C-alpha atoms as a PDB file:
ATOM      1  CA  MET A   1     -22.363  -5.914  25.137  1.00  0.00           C
ATOM      2  CA  ASP A   2     -22.904  -4.086  21.842  1.00  0.00           C
ATOM      3  CA  GLY A   3     -22.988  -0.512  23.193  1.00  0.00           C
ATOM      4  CA  THR A   4     -26.761   0.019  22.837  1.00  0.00           C
ATOM      5  CA  VAL A   5     -28.957   1.410  25.570  1.00  0.00           C
ATOM      6  CA  ALA A   6     -31.470  -1.062  26.971  1.00  0.00           C
ATOM      7  CA  GLY A   7     -34.822  -0.724  25.234  1.00  0.00           C
ATOM      8  CA  GLN A   8     -33.487   1.270  22.288  1.00  0.00           C
ATOM      9  CA  PRO A   9     -32.692  -0.262  18.921  1.00  0.00           C
ATOM     10  CA  ALA A  10     -29.124  -0.173  17.672  1.00  0.00           C
ATOM     11  CA  THR A  11     -28.290   2.628  15.247  1.00  0.00           C
ATOM     12  CA  PRO A  12     -27.764   1.249  11.763  1.00  0.00           C
ATOM     13  CA  PRO A  13     -24.286   1.842  10.360  1.00  0.00           C
ATOM     14  CA  VAL A  14     -23.933   4.924   8.184  1.00  0.00           C
ATOM     15  CA  ARG A  15     -23.476   4.090   4.521  1.00  0.00           C
ATOM     16  CA  LEU A  16     -21.790   6.611   2.296  1.00  0.00           C
ATOM     17  CA  SER A  17     -22.667   7.062  -1.336  1.00  0.00           C
ATOM     18  CA  PHE A  18     -20.402   5.737  -4.049  1.00  0.00           C
ATOM     19  CA  GLU A  19     -19.254   9.255  -4.935  1.00  0.00           C
ATOM     20  CA  GLN A  20     -18.475  10.089  -1.286  1.00  0.00           C
ATOM     21  CA  ARG A  21     -16.354   6.944  -0.976  1.00  0.00           C
ATOM     22  CA  ARG A  22     -14.518   7.712  -4.233  1.00  0.00           C
ATOM     23  CA  GLU A  23     -13.743  11.216  -2.963  1.00  0.00           C
ATOM     24  CA  LEU A  24     -12.461   9.894   0.387  1.00  0.00           C
ATOM     25  CA  LEU A  25     -10.250   7.395  -1.436  1.00  0.00           C
ATOM     26  CA  ALA A  26      -8.878  10.151  -3.683  1.00  0.00           C
ATOM     27  CA  GLN A  27      -8.022  12.207  -0.585  1.00  0.00           C
ATOM     28  CA  GLU A  28      -6.257   9.238   1.023  1.00  0.00           C
ATOM     29  CA  ILE A  29      -4.274   8.539  -2.155  1.00  0.00           C
ATOM     30  CA  THR A  30      -3.180  12.188  -2.250  1.00  0.00           C
ATOM     31  CA  ARG A  31      -2.152  11.994   1.405  1.00  0.00           C
ATOM     32  CA  GLN A  32      -0.164   8.789   0.819  1.00  0.00           C
ATOM     33  CA  LEU A  33       1.613  10.170  -2.258  1.00  0.00           C
ATOM     34  CA  ALA A  34       2.507  13.370  -0.397  1.00  0.00           C
ATOM     35  CA  LYS A  35       4.672  11.298   1.959  1.00  0.00           C
ATOM     36  CA  GLY A  36       7.245  11.097  -0.838  1.00  0.00           C
ATOM     37  CA  ASN A  37       9.040   8.209  -2.567  1.00  0.00           C
ATOM     38  CA  ARG A  38       5.685   6.660  -3.460  1.00  0.00           C
ATOM     39  CA  ARG A  39       3.763   6.225  -6.663  1.00  0.00           C
ATOM     40  CA  LEU A  40       0.323   5.052  -7.675  1.00  0.00           C
ATOM     41  CA  GLU A  41       0.557   1.695  -9.435  1.00  0.00           C
ATOM     42  CA  SER A  42      -3.116   1.021 -10.085  1.00  0.00           C
ATOM     43  CA  GLN A  43      -6.507   2.325  -9.043  1.00  0.00           C
ATOM     44  CA  SER A  44     -10.101   1.238  -9.299  1.00  0.00           C
ATOM     45  CA  ASP A  45     -13.162   3.108  -8.056  1.00  0.00           C
ATOM     46  CA  LEU A  46     -12.824   1.951  -4.441  1.00  0.00           C
ATOM     47  CA  SER A  47      -9.237   0.711  -4.087  1.00  0.00           C
ATOM     48  CA  ALA A  48      -5.692   1.559  -5.112  1.00  0.00           C
ATOM     49  CA  VAL A  49      -2.195   0.090  -4.954  1.00  0.00           C
ATOM     50  CA  ILE A  50       0.651   2.354  -3.813  1.00  0.00           C
ATOM     51  CA  VAL A  51       4.294   1.363  -4.429  1.00  0.00           C
ATOM     52  CA  THR A  52       7.146   2.501  -2.193  1.00  0.00           C
ATOM     53  CA  GLY A  53      10.818   2.295  -3.157  1.00  0.00           C
ATOM     54  CA  ARG A  54      12.510   1.254  -6.365  1.00  0.00           C
ATOM     55  CA  PRO A  55      13.162  -2.166  -7.860  1.00  0.00           C
ATOM     56  CA  VAL A  56      16.592  -3.718  -7.405  1.00  0.00           C
ATOM     57  CA  ASN A  57      18.679  -3.474 -10.595  1.00  0.00           C
ATOM     58  CA  HIS A  58      19.660  -7.132 -10.922  1.00  0.00           C
ATOM     59  CA  ILE A  59      21.670  -6.630 -14.125  1.00  0.00           C
ATOM     60  CA  LEU A  60      23.904  -4.078 -12.408  1.00  0.00           C
ATOM     61  CA  HIS A  61      24.373  -6.333  -9.381  1.00  0.00           C
ATOM     62  CA  LEU A  62      25.179  -9.306 -11.612  1.00  0.00           C
ATOM     63  CA  LEU A  63      27.883  -7.285 -13.352  1.00  0.00           C
ATOM     64  CA  LEU A  64      29.283  -6.111 -10.000  1.00  0.00           C
ATOM     65  CA  THR A  65      29.329  -9.709  -8.767  1.00  0.00           C
ATOM     66  CA  LEU A  66      31.250 -10.832 -11.846  1.00  0.00           C
ATOM     67  CA  VAL A  67      33.736  -7.935 -11.645  1.00  0.00           C
ATOM     68  CA  THR A  68      34.395  -8.517  -7.924  1.00  0.00           C
ATOM     69  CA  VAL A  69      34.687 -12.295  -8.437  1.00  0.00           C
ATOM     70  CA  GLY A  70      31.637 -13.045  -6.304  1.00  0.00           C
ATOM     71  CA  ILE A  71      32.308 -10.697  -3.380  1.00  0.00           C
ATOM     72  CA  TRP A  72      29.364  -8.475  -4.344  1.00  0.00           C
ATOM     73  CA  LEU A  73      26.992 -11.459  -4.039  1.00  0.00           C
ATOM     74  CA  ILE A  74      26.506 -10.862  -0.288  1.00  0.00           C
ATOM     75  CA  PRO A  75      25.386  -7.204  -0.550  1.00  0.00           C
ATOM     76  CA  TRP A  76      23.235  -8.142  -3.552  1.00  0.00           C
ATOM     77  CA  ALA A  77      21.472 -10.860  -1.527  1.00  0.00           C
ATOM     78  CA  ILE A  78      20.881  -8.427   1.336  1.00  0.00           C
ATOM     79  CA  MET A  79      19.447  -5.807  -1.031  1.00  0.00           C
ATOM     80  CA  HIS A  80      17.253  -8.382  -2.705  1.00  0.00           C
ATOM     81  CA  ASN A  81      15.732  -9.394   0.642  1.00  0.00           C
ATOM     82  CA  PHE A  82      15.412  -6.031   2.364  1.00  0.00           C
ATOM     83  CA  ALA A  83      15.393  -3.290  -0.290  1.00  0.00           C
ATOM     84  CA  GLY A  84      13.342  -2.834  -3.417  1.00  0.00           C
ATOM     85  CA  GLU A  85       9.665  -2.155  -3.801  1.00  0.00           C
ATOM     86  CA  SER A  86       6.855  -2.692  -1.337  1.00  0.00           C
ATOM     87  CA  ARG A  87       3.162  -2.410  -2.118  1.00  0.00           C
ATOM     88  CA  GLU A  88       0.115  -1.394  -0.086  1.00  0.00           C
ATOM     89  CA  LEU A  89      -3.527  -1.869  -0.982  1.00  0.00           C
ATOM     90  CA  ILE A  90      -5.772   1.003   0.065  1.00  0.00           C
ATOM     91  CA  ALA A  91      -9.489   0.209   0.116  1.00  0.00           C
ATOM     92  CA  ILE A  92     -12.606   1.910   1.430  1.00  0.00           C
ATOM     93  CA  ASP A  93     -15.717   0.188   2.779  1.00  0.00           C
ATOM     94  CA  ASP A  94     -19.402   1.210   2.724  1.00  0.00           C
ATOM     95  CA  ALA A  95     -19.060   3.239   5.929  1.00  0.00           C
ATOM     96  CA  GLY A  96     -16.078   5.218   4.619  1.00  0.00           C
ATOM     97  CA  ASN A  97     -13.450   3.410   6.668  1.00  0.00           C
ATOM     98  CA  ILE A  98     -10.105   3.245   4.905  1.00  0.00           C
ATOM     99  CA  ALA A  99      -8.013   0.083   5.257  1.00  0.00           C
ATOM    100  CA  VAL A 100      -4.352  -0.092   4.288  1.00  0.00           C
ATOM    101  CA  GLN A 101      -2.976  -3.597   3.792  1.00  0.00           C
ATOM    102  CA  LYS A 102       0.634  -4.489   3.001  1.00  0.00           C
ATOM    103  CA  LEU A 103       0.874  -6.792   0.000  1.00  0.00           C
ATOM    104  CA  LYS A 104       3.420  -9.573  -0.189  1.00  0.00           C
ATOM    105  CA  PRO A 105       5.852  -9.490  -3.107  1.00  0.00           C
END
């Protein structure tokens, strides 16, 4: 069942104007950045990429691994797999619905 009353046509989906969707996206970006430890990597009119975290400093970890004769390799591997940056794509559709999708590294 599609939620319509028998004998009545379905209500067409509401479509927002381009400017309304851009404004909603700008508000969502502001809300996401206010969470802290996030930055805007790129933005188009109707989508944006937000980055959380910082990249792993591989040069530093290489030097630590050499100085500790390989012992630091285990923490470095853990940091490489679980720390670092993560990205999310924020997009808005014609109806003004905002979708947040995690991007793979």
